[in-house]
PDB file of N, CA and C in Angstrom:
ATOM      1  N   MET A   1       0.837  -1.176   0.000  1.00  0.00           N
ATOM      2  CA  MET A   1       0.000   0.000   0.000  1.00  0.00           C
ATOM      3  C   MET A   1       0.879   1.236   0.000  1.00  0.00           C
ATOM      4  N   LYS A   2       0.511   2.236  -0.772  1.00  0.00           N
ATOM      5  CA  LYS A   2       1.256   3.495  -0.790  1.00  0.00           C
ATOM      6  C   LYS A   2       0.569   4.495   0.132  1.00  0.00           C
ATOM      7  N   ILE A   3       1.379   5.042   1.037  1.00  0.00           N
ATOM      8  CA  ILE A   3       0.906   5.991   2.041  1.00  0.00           C
ATOM      9  C   ILE A   3       1.675   7.287   1.849  1.00  0.00           C
ATOM     10  N   ALA A   4       0.974   8.413   1.788  1.00  0.00           N
ATOM     11  CA  ALA A   4       1.624   9.721   1.682  1.00  0.00           C
ATOM     12  C   ALA A   4       1.572  10.412   3.034  1.00  0.00           C
ATOM     13  N   ILE A   5       2.662  11.098   3.369  1.00  0.00           N
ATOM     14  CA  ILE A   5       2.741  11.857   4.613  1.00  0.00           C
ATOM     15  C   ILE A   5       3.057  13.295   4.237  1.00  0.00           C
ATOM     16  N   THR A   6       2.254  14.241   4.729  1.00  0.00           N
ATOM     17  CA  THR A   6       2.534  15.646   4.449  1.00  0.00           C
ATOM     18  C   THR A   6       3.737  16.074   5.288  1.00  0.00           C
ATOM     19  N   MET A   7       4.736  16.663   4.617  1.00  0.00           N
ATOM     20  CA  MET A   7       5.989  17.015   5.283  1.00  0.00           C
ATOM     21  C   MET A   7       6.344  18.479   5.045  1.00  0.00           C
ATOM     22  N   GLN A   8       7.093  19.066   5.993  1.00  0.00           N
ATOM     23  CA  GLN A   8       7.531  20.455   5.873  1.00  0.00           C
ATOM     24  C   GLN A   8       8.757  20.608   4.979  1.00  0.00           C
ATOM     25  N   GLY A   9       9.367  19.515   4.590  1.00  0.00           N
ATOM     26  CA  GLY A   9      10.541  19.551   3.726  1.00  0.00           C
ATOM     27  C   GLY A   9      10.860  18.162   3.231  1.00  0.00           C
ATOM     28  N   SER A  10      11.841  18.067   2.354  1.00  0.00           N
ATOM     29  CA  SER A  10      12.172  16.778   1.747  1.00  0.00           C
ATOM     30  C   SER A  10      13.221  15.987   2.529  1.00  0.00           C
ATOM     31  N   ALA A  11      13.863  16.607   3.512  1.00  0.00           N
ATOM     32  CA  ALA A  11      14.883  15.913   4.296  1.00  0.00           C
ATOM     33  C   ALA A  11      14.261  14.774   5.094  1.00  0.00           C
ATOM     34  N   ALA A  12      15.027  13.745   5.314  1.00  0.00           N
ATOM     35  CA  ALA A  12      14.533  12.567   6.038  1.00  0.00           C
ATOM     36  C   ALA A  12      14.080  12.913   7.457  1.00  0.00           C
ATOM     37  N   ASP A  13      14.655  13.968   8.049  1.00  0.00           N
ATOM     38  CA  ASP A  13      14.284  14.345   9.411  1.00  0.00           C
ATOM     39  C   ASP A  13      13.308  15.521   9.463  1.00  0.00           C
ATOM     40  N   ALA A  14      12.725  15.876   8.320  1.00  0.00           N
ATOM     41  CA  ALA A  14      11.750  16.971   8.288  1.00  0.00           C
ATOM     42  C   ALA A  14      10.532  16.623   9.131  1.00  0.00           C
ATOM     43  N   ALA A  15       9.903  17.642   9.664  1.00  0.00           N
ATOM     44  CA  ALA A  15       8.712  17.444  10.496  1.00  0.00           C
ATOM     45  C   ALA A  15       7.475  17.295   9.609  1.00  0.00           C
ATOM     46  N   PRO A  16       6.476  16.581  10.102  1.00  0.00           N
ATOM     47  CA  PRO A  16       5.212  16.486   9.370  1.00  0.00           C
ATOM     48  C   PRO A  16       4.568  17.871   9.250  1.00  0.00           C
ATOM     49  N   ASP A  17       3.891  18.103   8.159  1.00  0.00           N
ATOM     50  CA  ASP A  17       3.178  19.365   7.944  1.00  0.00           C
ATOM     51  C   ASP A  17       1.719  19.161   8.316  1.00  0.00           C
ATOM     52  N   GLN A  18       1.157  20.082   9.051  1.00  0.00           N
ATOM     53  CA  GLN A  18      -0.233  19.969   9.480  1.00  0.00           C
ATOM     54  C   GLN A  18      -1.222  20.308   8.375  1.00  0.00           C
ATOM     55  N   ARG A  19      -0.755  20.992   7.329  1.00  0.00           N
ATOM     56  CA  ARG A  19      -1.634  21.384   6.227  1.00  0.00           C
ATOM     57  C   ARG A  19      -1.539  20.354   5.113  1.00  0.00           C
ATOM     58  N   PHE A  20      -2.657  19.918   4.614  1.00  0.00           N
ATOM     59  CA  PHE A  20      -2.646  18.935   3.541  1.00  0.00           C
ATOM     60  C   PHE A  20      -2.266  19.573   2.200  1.00  0.00           C
ATOM     61  N   GLY A  21      -3.084  20.444   1.682  1.00  0.00           N
ATOM     62  CA  GLY A  21      -2.868  20.997   0.341  1.00  0.00           C
ATOM     63  C   GLY A  21      -1.671  21.898   0.219  1.00  0.00           C
ATOM     64  N   ARG A  22      -1.249  22.497   1.314  1.00  0.00           N
ATOM     65  CA  ARG A  22      -0.124  23.435   1.265  1.00  0.00           C
ATOM     66  C   ARG A  22       1.136  22.890   1.928  1.00  0.00           C
ATOM     67  N   ALA A  23       1.189  21.594   2.099  1.00  0.00           N
ATOM     68  CA  ALA A  23       2.413  20.957   2.623  1.00  0.00           C
ATOM     69  C   ALA A  23       3.546  21.168   1.630  1.00  0.00           C
ATOM     70  N   ARG A  24       4.753  21.322   2.124  1.00  0.00           N
ATOM     71  CA  ARG A  24       5.923  21.532   1.246  1.00  0.00           C
ATOM     72  C   ARG A  24       6.158  20.335   0.333  1.00  0.00           C
ATOM     73  N   CYS A  25       5.978  19.133   0.864  1.00  0.00           N
ATOM     74  CA  CYS A  25       6.147  17.935   0.036  1.00  0.00           C
ATOM     75  C   CYS A  25       5.369  16.767   0.624  1.00  0.00           C
ATOM     76  N   PHE A  26       5.247  15.735  -0.171  1.00  0.00           N
ATOM     77  CA  PHE A  26       4.601  14.500   0.261  1.00  0.00           C
ATOM     78  C   PHE A  26       5.638  13.389   0.233  1.00  0.00           C
ATOM     79  N   ARG A  27       5.866  12.763   1.382  1.00  0.00           N
ATOM     80  CA  ARG A  27       6.739  11.593   1.409  1.00  0.00           C
ATOM     81  C   ARG A  27       5.838  10.399   1.181  1.00  0.00           C
ATOM     82  N   ILE A  28       6.058   9.709   0.067  1.00  0.00           N
ATOM     83  CA  ILE A  28       5.248   8.551  -0.283  1.00  0.00           C
ATOM     84  C   ILE A  28       6.030   7.300   0.084  1.00  0.00           C
ATOM     85  N   VAL A  29       5.415   6.482   0.920  1.00  0.00           N
ATOM     86  CA  VAL A  29       6.051   5.273   1.422  1.00  0.00           C
ATOM     87  C   VAL A  29       5.249   4.067   0.963  1.00  0.00           C
ATOM     88  N   ASP A  30       5.933   3.109   0.358  1.00  0.00           N
ATOM     89  CA  ASP A  30       5.297   1.843   0.007  1.00  0.00           C
ATOM     90  C   ASP A  30       5.439   0.938   1.223  1.00  0.00           C
ATOM     91  N   SER A  31       4.327   0.656   1.894  1.00  0.00           N
ATOM     92  CA  SER A  31       4.393  -0.108   3.142  1.00  0.00           C
ATOM     93  C   SER A  31       4.806  -1.558   2.925  1.00  0.00           C
ATOM     94  N   THR A  32       4.735  -2.043   1.695  1.00  0.00           N
ATOM     95  CA  THR A  32       5.136  -3.417   1.397  1.00  0.00           C
ATOM     96  C   THR A  32       6.643  -3.524   1.184  1.00  0.00           C
ATOM     97  N   THR A  33       7.195  -2.601   0.377  1.00  0.00           N
ATOM     98  CA  THR A  33       8.613  -2.677   0.029  1.00  0.00           C
ATOM     99  C   THR A  33       9.499  -1.767   0.872  1.00  0.00           C
ATOM    100  N   GLY A  34       8.895  -0.749   1.521  1.00  0.00           N
ATOM    101  CA  GLY A  34       9.674   0.215   2.286  1.00  0.00           C
ATOM    102  C   GLY A  34      10.242   1.331   1.437  1.00  0.00           C
ATOM    103  N   GLU A  35      10.054   1.267   0.129  1.00  0.00           N
ATOM    104  CA  GLU A  35      10.571   2.301  -0.771  1.00  0.00           C
ATOM    105  C   GLU A  35       9.910   3.640  -0.455  1.00  0.00           C
ATOM    106  N   GLN A  36      10.722   4.717  -0.481  1.00  0.00           N
ATOM    107  CA  GLN A  36      10.214   6.055  -0.188  1.00  0.00           C
ATOM    108  C   GLN A  36      10.576   7.020  -1.301  1.00  0.00           C
ATOM    109  N   THR A  37       9.656   7.932  -1.577  1.00  0.00           N
ATOM    110  CA  THR A  37       9.858   8.980  -2.568  1.00  0.00           C
ATOM    111  C   THR A  37       9.314  10.270  -1.983  1.00  0.00           C
ATOM    112  N   CYS A  38      10.001  11.372  -2.232  1.00  0.00           N
ATOM    113  CA  CYS A  38       9.487  12.663  -1.799  1.00  0.00           C
ATOM    114  C   CYS A  38       9.025  13.426  -3.034  1.00  0.00           C
ATOM    115  N   VAL A  39       7.761  13.821  -3.038  1.00  0.00           N
ATOM    116  CA  VAL A  39       7.173  14.535  -4.167  1.00  0.00           C
ATOM    117  C   VAL A  39       6.979  15.992  -3.755  1.00  0.00           C
ATOM    118  N   ASP A  40       7.612  16.903  -4.489  1.00  0.00           N
ATOM    119  CA  ASP A  40       7.531  18.330  -4.210  1.00  0.00           C
ATOM    120  C   ASP A  40       6.113  18.845  -4.446  1.00  0.00           C
ATOM    121  N   ASN A  41       5.654  19.745  -3.586  1.00  0.00           N
ATOM    122  CA  ASN A  41       4.326  20.321  -3.716  1.00  0.00           C
ATOM    123  C   ASN A  41       4.403  21.842  -3.804  1.00  0.00           C
ATOM    124  N   ALA A  42       5.431  22.370  -4.471  1.00  0.00           N
ATOM    125  CA  ALA A  42       5.606  23.819  -4.577  1.00  0.00           C
ATOM    126  C   ALA A  42       4.391  24.483  -5.211  1.00  0.00           C
ATOM    127  N   ALA A  43       3.772  23.832  -6.175  1.00  0.00           N
ATOM    128  CA  ALA A  43       2.588  24.407  -6.821  1.00  0.00           C
ATOM    129  C   ALA A  43       1.456  24.599  -5.817  1.00  0.00           C
ATOM    130  N   GLY A  44       1.299  23.658  -4.904  1.00  0.00           N
ATOM    131  CA  GLY A  44       0.257  23.771  -3.885  1.00  0.00           C
ATOM    132  C   GLY A  44       0.566  24.824  -2.852  1.00  0.00           C
ATOM    133  N   VAL A  45       1.825  24.932  -2.477  1.00  0.00           N
ATOM    134  CA  VAL A  45       2.224  25.903  -1.468  1.00  0.00           C
ATOM    135  C   VAL A  45       1.917  27.314  -1.948  1.00  0.00           C
ATOM    136  N   ASP A  46       2.166  27.573  -3.225  1.00  0.00           N
ATOM    137  CA  ASP A  46       2.012  28.915  -3.783  1.00  0.00           C
ATOM    138  C   ASP A  46       0.673  29.161  -4.471  1.00  0.00           C
ATOM    139  N   ALA A  47      -0.217  28.183  -4.495  1.00  0.00           N
ATOM    140  CA  ALA A  47      -1.487  28.323  -5.211  1.00  0.00           C
ATOM    141  C   ALA A  47      -2.400  29.337  -4.528  1.00  0.00           C
ATOM    142  N   ALA A  48      -3.056  30.168  -5.351  1.00  0.00           N
ATOM    143  CA  ALA A  48      -4.033  31.119  -4.813  1.00  0.00           C
ATOM    144  C   ALA A  48      -5.261  30.370  -4.317  1.00  0.00           C
ATOM    145  N   GLN A  49      -5.617  29.306  -5.016  1.00  0.00           N
ATOM    146  CA  GLN A  49      -6.724  28.445  -4.609  1.00  0.00           C
ATOM    147  C   GLN A  49      -6.575  27.092  -5.278  1.00  0.00           C
ATOM    148  N   GLY A  50      -7.279  26.104  -4.795  1.00  0.00           N
ATOM    149  CA  GLY A  50      -7.220  24.769  -5.392  1.00  0.00           C
ATOM    150  C   GLY A  50      -6.040  23.925  -4.958  1.00  0.00           C
ATOM    151  N   ALA A  51      -5.338  24.341  -3.911  1.00  0.00           N
ATOM    152  CA  ALA A  51      -4.159  23.596  -3.465  1.00  0.00           C
ATOM    153  C   ALA A  51      -4.524  22.169  -3.057  1.00  0.00           C
ATOM    154  N   GLY A  52      -5.625  22.004  -2.358  1.00  0.00           N
ATOM    155  CA  GLY A  52      -6.034  20.674  -1.897  1.00  0.00           C
ATOM    156  C   GLY A  52      -6.389  19.741  -3.035  1.00  0.00           C
ATOM    157  N   THR A  53      -7.133  20.242  -4.001  1.00  0.00           N
ATOM    158  CA  THR A  53      -7.512  19.382  -5.123  1.00  0.00           C
ATOM    159  C   THR A  53      -6.302  19.039  -5.984  1.00  0.00           C
ATOM    160  N   GLN A  54      -5.380  19.983  -6.152  1.00  0.00           N
ATOM    161  CA  GLN A  54      -4.137  19.683  -6.876  1.00  0.00           C
ATOM    162  C   GLN A  54      -3.346  18.611  -6.145  1.00  0.00           C
ATOM    163  N   ALA A  55      -3.286  18.708  -4.835  1.00  0.00           N
ATOM    164  CA  ALA A  55      -2.551  17.726  -4.036  1.00  0.00           C
ATOM    165  C   ALA A  55      -3.153  16.338  -4.197  1.00  0.00           C
ATOM    166  N   VAL A  56      -4.473  16.253  -4.186  1.00  0.00           N
ATOM    167  CA  VAL A  56      -5.128  14.957  -4.362  1.00  0.00           C
ATOM    168  C   VAL A  56      -4.806  14.386  -5.739  1.00  0.00           C
ATOM    169  N   GLN A  57      -4.826  15.208  -6.767  1.00  0.00           N
ATOM    170  CA  GLN A  57      -4.490  14.739  -8.114  1.00  0.00           C
ATOM    171  C   GLN A  57      -3.064  14.192  -8.155  1.00  0.00           C
ATOM    172  N   THR A  58      -2.147  14.884  -7.517  1.00  0.00           N
ATOM    173  CA  THR A  58      -0.759  14.421  -7.463  1.00  0.00           C
ATOM    174  C   THR A  58      -0.666  13.062  -6.777  1.00  0.00           C
ATOM    175  N   LEU A  59      -1.315  12.923  -5.637  1.00  0.00           N
ATOM    176  CA  LEU A  59      -1.258  11.659  -4.902  1.00  0.00           C
ATOM    177  C   LEU A  59      -1.921  10.527  -5.686  1.00  0.00           C
ATOM    178  N   ALA A  60      -3.021  10.807  -6.334  1.00  0.00           N
ATOM    179  CA  ALA A  60      -3.708   9.784  -7.130  1.00  0.00           C
ATOM    180  C   ALA A  60      -2.814   9.314  -8.279  1.00  0.00           C
ATOM    181  N   ARG A  61      -2.096  10.236  -8.919  1.00  0.00           N
ATOM    182  CA  ARG A  61      -1.180   9.854 -10.010  1.00  0.00           C
ATOM    183  C   ARG A  61      -0.074   8.920  -9.512  1.00  0.00           C
ATOM    184  N   HIS A  62       0.283   9.044  -8.243  1.00  0.00           N
ATOM    185  CA  HIS A  62       1.334   8.203  -7.652  1.00  0.00           C
ATOM    186  C   HIS A  62       0.776   6.924  -7.021  1.00  0.00           C
ATOM    187  N   GLY A  63      -0.519   6.703  -7.146  1.00  0.00           N
ATOM    188  CA  GLY A  63      -1.112   5.472  -6.634  1.00  0.00           C
ATOM    189  C   GLY A  63      -1.279   5.420  -5.129  1.00  0.00           C
ATOM    190  N   VAL A  64      -1.338   6.578  -4.491  1.00  0.00           N
ATOM    191  CA  VAL A  64      -1.490   6.642  -3.038  1.00  0.00           C
ATOM    192  C   VAL A  64      -2.902   6.209  -2.643  1.00  0.00           C
ATOM    193  N   GLN A  65      -2.978   5.435  -1.573  1.00  0.00           N
ATOM    194  CA  GLN A  65      -4.265   4.947  -1.074  1.00  0.00           C
ATOM    195  C   GLN A  65      -4.651   5.549   0.272  1.00  0.00           C
ATOM    196  N   ALA A  66      -3.677   6.129   0.973  1.00  0.00           N
ATOM    197  CA  ALA A  66      -3.942   6.764   2.269  1.00  0.00           C
ATOM    198  C   ALA A  66      -2.972   7.917   2.460  1.00  0.00           C
ATOM    199  N   VAL A  67      -3.423   8.939   3.181  1.00  0.00           N
ATOM    200  CA  VAL A  67      -2.569  10.082   3.485  1.00  0.00           C
ATOM    201  C   VAL A  67      -2.613  10.340   4.983  1.00  0.00           C
ATOM    202  N   ILE A  68      -1.435  10.667   5.525  1.00  0.00           N
ATOM    203  CA  ILE A  68      -1.312  11.026   6.937  1.00  0.00           C
ATOM    204  C   ILE A  68      -1.005  12.516   6.977  1.00  0.00           C
ATOM    205  N   THR A  69      -1.849  13.277   7.658  1.00  0.00           N
ATOM    206  CA  THR A  69      -1.715  14.729   7.690  1.00  0.00           C
ATOM    207  C   THR A  69      -2.322  15.265   8.981  1.00  0.00           C
ATOM    208  N   GLY A  70      -2.247  16.557   9.161  1.00  0.00           N
ATOM    209  CA  GLY A  70      -2.850  17.156  10.337  1.00  0.00           C
ATOM    210  C   GLY A  70      -4.292  17.551  10.106  1.00  0.00           C
ATOM    211  N   HIS A  71      -4.519  18.301   9.023  1.00  0.00           N
ATOM    212  CA  HIS A  71      -5.848  18.855   8.776  1.00  0.00           C
ATOM    213  C   HIS A  71      -6.160  18.858   7.285  1.00  0.00           C
ATOM    214  N   VAL A  72      -7.459  18.815   6.982  1.00  0.00           N
ATOM    215  CA  VAL A  72      -7.926  18.781   5.593  1.00  0.00           C
ATOM    216  C   VAL A  72      -9.060  19.787   5.434  1.00  0.00           C
ATOM    217  N   GLY A  73      -8.983  20.605   4.375  1.00  0.00           N
ATOM    218  CA  GLY A  73     -10.033  21.572   4.075  1.00  0.00           C
ATOM    219  C   GLY A  73     -11.171  20.933   3.285  1.00  0.00           C
ATOM    220  N   PRO A  74     -12.247  21.676   3.058  1.00  0.00           N
ATOM    221  CA  PRO A  74     -13.448  21.108   2.436  1.00  0.00           C
ATOM    222  C   PRO A  74     -13.265  20.637   0.984  1.00  0.00           C
ATOM    223  N   LYS A  75     -12.582  21.412   0.166  1.00  0.00           N
ATOM    224  CA  LYS A  75     -12.387  20.990  -1.234  1.00  0.00           C
ATOM    225  C   LYS A  75     -11.452  19.789  -1.312  1.00  0.00           C
ATOM    226  N   ALA A  76     -10.418  19.803  -0.498  1.00  0.00           N
ATOM    227  CA  ALA A  76      -9.497  18.668  -0.466  1.00  0.00           C
ATOM    228  C   ALA A  76     -10.231  17.417   0.013  1.00  0.00           C
ATOM    229  N   TRP A  77     -11.086  17.578   1.020  1.00  0.00           N
ATOM    230  CA  TRP A  77     -11.829  16.433   1.546  1.00  0.00           C
ATOM    231  C   TRP A  77     -12.708  15.815   0.461  1.00  0.00           C
ATOM    232  N   THR A  78     -13.410  16.649  -0.284  1.00  0.00           N
ATOM    233  CA  THR A  78     -14.269  16.161  -1.366  1.00  0.00           C
ATOM    234  C   THR A  78     -13.435  15.437  -2.414  1.00  0.00           C
ATOM    235  N   ALA A  79     -12.280  16.000  -2.763  1.00  0.00           N
ATOM    236  CA  ALA A  79     -11.401  15.382  -3.765  1.00  0.00           C
ATOM    237  C   ALA A  79     -10.829  14.057  -3.258  1.00  0.00           C
ATOM    238  N   LEU A  80     -10.452  14.005  -1.988  1.00  0.00           N
ATOM    239  CA  LEU A  80      -9.931  12.753  -1.417  1.00  0.00           C
ATOM    240  C   LEU A  80     -10.990  11.654  -1.489  1.00  0.00           C
ATOM    241  N   GLN A  81     -12.223  11.986  -1.141  1.00  0.00           N
ATOM    242  CA  GLN A  81     -13.304  11.005  -1.210  1.00  0.00           C
ATOM    243  C   GLN A  81     -13.515  10.524  -2.634  1.00  0.00           C
ATOM    244  N   ALA A  82     -13.517  11.447  -3.581  1.00  0.00           N
ATOM    245  CA  ALA A  82     -13.726  11.089  -4.989  1.00  0.00           C
ATOM    246  C   ALA A  82     -12.609  10.184  -5.502  1.00  0.00           C
ATOM    247  N   ALA A  83     -11.388  10.404  -5.015  1.00  0.00           N
ATOM    248  CA  ALA A  83     -10.238   9.607  -5.458  1.00  0.00           C
ATOM    249  C   ALA A  83     -10.103   8.297  -4.682  1.00  0.00           C
ATOM    250  N   GLY A  84     -10.890   8.131  -3.635  1.00  0.00           N
ATOM    251  CA  GLY A  84     -10.798   6.909  -2.829  1.00  0.00           C
ATOM    252  C   GLY A  84      -9.565   6.863  -1.943  1.00  0.00           C
ATOM    253  N   ILE A  85      -9.040   8.039  -1.589  1.00  0.00           N
ATOM    254  CA  ILE A  85      -7.866   8.122  -0.714  1.00  0.00           C
ATOM    255  C   ILE A  85      -8.352   8.444   0.695  1.00  0.00           C
ATOM    256  N   ARG A  86      -8.009   7.588   1.638  1.00  0.00           N
ATOM    257  CA  ARG A  86      -8.418   7.786   3.031  1.00  0.00           C
ATOM    258  C   ARG A  86      -7.400   8.663   3.737  1.00  0.00           C
ATOM    259  N   ALA A  87      -7.859   9.481   4.674  1.00  0.00           N
ATOM    260  CA  ALA A  87      -6.986  10.409   5.393  1.00  0.00           C
ATOM    261  C   ALA A  87      -6.948  10.058   6.872  1.00  0.00           C
ATOM    262  N   TYR A  88      -5.751  10.171   7.452  1.00  0.00           N
ATOM    263  CA  TYR A  88      -5.528   9.852   8.853  1.00  0.00           C
ATOM    264  C   TYR A  88      -4.796  11.014   9.513  1.00  0.00           C
ATOM    265  N   SER A  89      -5.088  11.241  10.781  1.00  0.00           N
ATOM    266  CA  SER A  89      -4.550  12.375  11.506  1.00  0.00           C
ATOM    267  C   SER A  89      -3.314  12.012  12.317  1.00  0.00           C
ATOM    268  N   ALA A  90      -2.290  12.861  12.208  1.00  0.00           N
ATOM    269  CA  ALA A  90      -1.081  12.741  13.033  1.00  0.00           C
ATOM    270  C   ALA A  90      -0.433  14.112  13.096  1.00  0.00           C
ATOM    271  N   THR A  91       0.120  14.458  14.245  1.00  0.00           N
ATOM    272  CA  THR A  91       0.717  15.776  14.409  1.00  0.00           C
ATOM    273  C   THR A  91       2.234  15.757  14.532  1.00  0.00           C
ATOM    274  N   GLN A  92       2.803  14.586  14.802  1.00  0.00           N
ATOM    275  CA  GLN A  92       4.262  14.518  14.955  1.00  0.00           C
ATOM    276  C   GLN A  92       4.749  13.100  14.715  1.00  0.00           C
ATOM    277  N   GLY A  93       6.055  12.992  14.498  1.00  0.00           N
ATOM    278  CA  GLY A  93       6.677  11.689  14.291  1.00  0.00           C
ATOM    279  C   GLY A  93       7.473  11.644  13.009  1.00  0.00           C
ATOM    280  N   THR A  94       8.373  10.705  12.943  1.00  0.00           N
ATOM    281  CA  THR A  94       9.146  10.492  11.723  1.00  0.00           C
ATOM    282  C   THR A  94       8.289   9.723  10.724  1.00  0.00           C
ATOM    283  N   PRO A  95       8.631   9.765   9.447  1.00  0.00           N
ATOM    284  CA  PRO A  95       7.872   8.964   8.483  1.00  0.00           C
ATOM    285  C   PRO A  95       7.801   7.493   8.876  1.00  0.00           C
ATOM    286  N   ALA A  96       8.910   6.924   9.347  1.00  0.00           N
ATOM    287  CA  ALA A  96       8.906   5.508   9.738  1.00  0.00           C
ATOM    288  C   ALA A  96       7.933   5.267  10.894  1.00  0.00           C
ATOM    289  N   GLN A  97       7.942   6.157  11.889  1.00  0.00           N
ATOM    290  CA  GLN A  97       7.040   6.011  13.034  1.00  0.00           C
ATOM    291  C   GLN A  97       5.585   6.166  12.603  1.00  0.00           C
ATOM    292  N   LEU A  98       5.319   7.121  11.727  1.00  0.00           N
ATOM    293  CA  LEU A  98       3.943   7.349  11.282  1.00  0.00           C
ATOM    294  C   LEU A  98       3.413   6.168  10.477  1.00  0.00           C
ATOM    295  N   VAL A  99       4.258   5.583   9.626  1.00  0.00           N
ATOM    296  CA  VAL A  99       3.835   4.396   8.871  1.00  0.00           C
ATOM    297  C   VAL A  99       3.590   3.235   9.829  1.00  0.00           C
ATOM    298  N   GLU A 100       4.454   3.095  10.833  1.00  0.00           N
ATOM    299  CA  GLU A 100       4.257   2.035  11.829  1.00  0.00           C
ATOM    300  C   GLU A 100       2.941   2.238  12.584  1.00  0.00           C
ATOM    301  N   ASP A 101       2.672   3.484  12.981  1.00  0.00           N
ATOM    302  CA  ASP A 101       1.424   3.786  13.680  1.00  0.00           C
ATOM    303  C   ASP A 101       0.217   3.509  12.784  1.00  0.00           C
ATOM    304  N   PHE A 102       0.321   3.871  11.518  1.00  0.00           N
ATOM    305  CA  PHE A 102      -0.768   3.616  10.567  1.00  0.00           C
ATOM    306  C   PHE A 102      -1.020   2.114  10.438  1.00  0.00           C
ATOM    307  N   THR A 103       0.049   1.369  10.216  1.00  0.00           N
ATOM    308  CA  THR A 103      -0.057  -0.080  10.026  1.00  0.00           C
ATOM    309  C   THR A 103      -0.642  -0.768  11.261  1.00  0.00           C
ATOM    310  N   ALA A 104      -0.297  -0.259  12.435  1.00  0.00           N
ATOM    311  CA  ALA A 104      -0.783  -0.836  13.691  1.00  0.00           C
ATOM    312  C   ALA A 104      -2.189  -0.352  14.058  1.00  0.00           C
ATOM    313  N   GLY A 105      -2.755   0.543  13.250  1.00  0.00           N
ATOM    314  CA  GLY A 105      -4.099   1.034  13.521  1.00  0.00           C
ATOM    315  C   GLY A 105      -4.172   2.063  14.632  1.00  0.00           C
ATOM    316  N   ARG A 106      -3.052   2.757  14.907  1.00  0.00           N
ATOM    317  CA  ARG A 106      -3.029   3.732  16.003  1.00  0.00           C
ATOM    318  C   ARG A 106      -3.392   5.152  15.569  1.00  0.00           C
ATOM    319  N   LEU A 107      -3.615   5.384  14.282  1.00  0.00           N
ATOM    320  CA  LEU A 107      -3.970   6.724  13.822  1.00  0.00           C
ATOM    321  C   LEU A 107      -5.479   6.826  13.611  1.00  0.00           C
ATOM    322  N   ALA A 108      -6.036   7.947  14.006  1.00  0.00           N
ATOM    323  CA  ALA A 108      -7.474   8.177  13.829  1.00  0.00           C
ATOM    324  C   ALA A 108      -7.752   8.579  12.383  1.00  0.00           C
ATOM    325  N   GLU A 109      -8.777   7.971  11.806  1.00  0.00           N
ATOM    326  CA  GLU A 109      -9.172   8.346  10.454  1.00  0.00           C
ATOM    327  C   GLU A 109      -9.915   9.679  10.511  1.00  0.00           C
ATOM    328  N   ILE A 110      -9.601  10.549   9.573  1.00  0.00           N
ATOM    329  CA  ILE A 110     -10.280  11.834   9.469  1.00  0.00           C
ATOM    330  C   ILE A 110     -11.606  11.575   8.759  1.00  0.00           C
ATOM    331  N   GLY A 111     -12.707  12.004   9.369  1.00  0.00           N
ATOM    332  CA  GLY A 111     -14.030  11.695   8.839  1.00  0.00           C
ATOM    333  C   GLY A 111     -14.691  12.819   8.080  1.00  0.00           C
ATOM    334  N   ALA A 112     -14.088  14.011   8.083  1.00  0.00           N
ATOM    335  CA  ALA A 112     -14.663  15.166   7.396  1.00  0.00           C
ATOM    336  C   ALA A 112     -13.632  16.286   7.397  1.00  0.00           C
ATOM    337  N   ALA A 113     -13.865  17.296   6.563  1.00  0.00           N
ATOM    338  CA  ALA A 113     -12.988  18.467   6.565  1.00  0.00           C
ATOM    339  C   ALA A 113     -13.008  19.080   7.956  1.00  0.00           C
ATOM    340  N   ASP A 114     -11.832  19.485   8.438  1.00  0.00           N
ATOM    341  CA  ASP A 114     -11.784  20.067   9.773  1.00  0.00           C
ATOM    342  C   ASP A 114     -11.159  21.452   9.798  1.00  0.00           C
ATOM    343  N   ARG A 115     -10.995  22.054   8.620  1.00  0.00           N
ATOM    344  CA  ARG A 115     -10.469  23.412   8.500  1.00  0.00           C
ATOM    345  C   ARG A 115     -11.201  24.104   7.368  1.00  0.00           C
ATOM    346  N   PRO A 116     -11.315  25.439   7.452  1.00  0.00           N
ATOM    347  CA  PRO A 116     -11.935  26.163   6.343  1.00  0.00           C
ATOM    348  C   PRO A 116     -10.989  26.165   5.141  1.00  0.00           C
ATOM    349  N   GLY A 117     -11.509  26.488   3.983  1.00  0.00           N
ATOM    350  CA  GLY A 117     -10.651  26.586   2.799  1.00  0.00           C
ATOM    351  C   GLY A 117      -9.607  27.677   2.972  1.00  0.00           C
ATOM    352  N   HIS A 118      -8.519  27.588   2.234  1.00  0.00           N
ATOM    353  CA  HIS A 118      -7.419  28.563   2.231  1.00  0.00           C
ATOM    354  C   HIS A 118      -6.748  28.679   3.587  1.00  0.00           C
ATOM    355  N   TRP A 119      -6.655  27.590   4.321  1.00  0.00           N
ATOM    356  CA  TRP A 119      -6.022  27.609   5.625  1.00  0.00           C
ATOM    357  C   TRP A 119      -4.536  27.500   5.497  1.00  0.00           C
TER     358      TRP A 119
END
């Protein structure tokens, strides 16, 4: 399964980003193979609007099935549902720890948008 984690930077020790659509990058982890890729989200960071939907399109193109983030806005939430990508909440941890928590079922699934648009 491919899991994306919103990150504040591409470095391995970067902190998770609480914003979904405006995260600096997405660390995509294949939970089966352990392979990791960091996908830049500069377009989302600088977007006047539509950052969340652009982010969902990027993740869908990479075959992501779940995303770990802090918060999701309304347009991003609608796009995630349409793409069949489930969202889970986490505020801290390394990518390895967050994937472990996800796999062990320790992360709460986000059930609806929890931030206004343009957050």
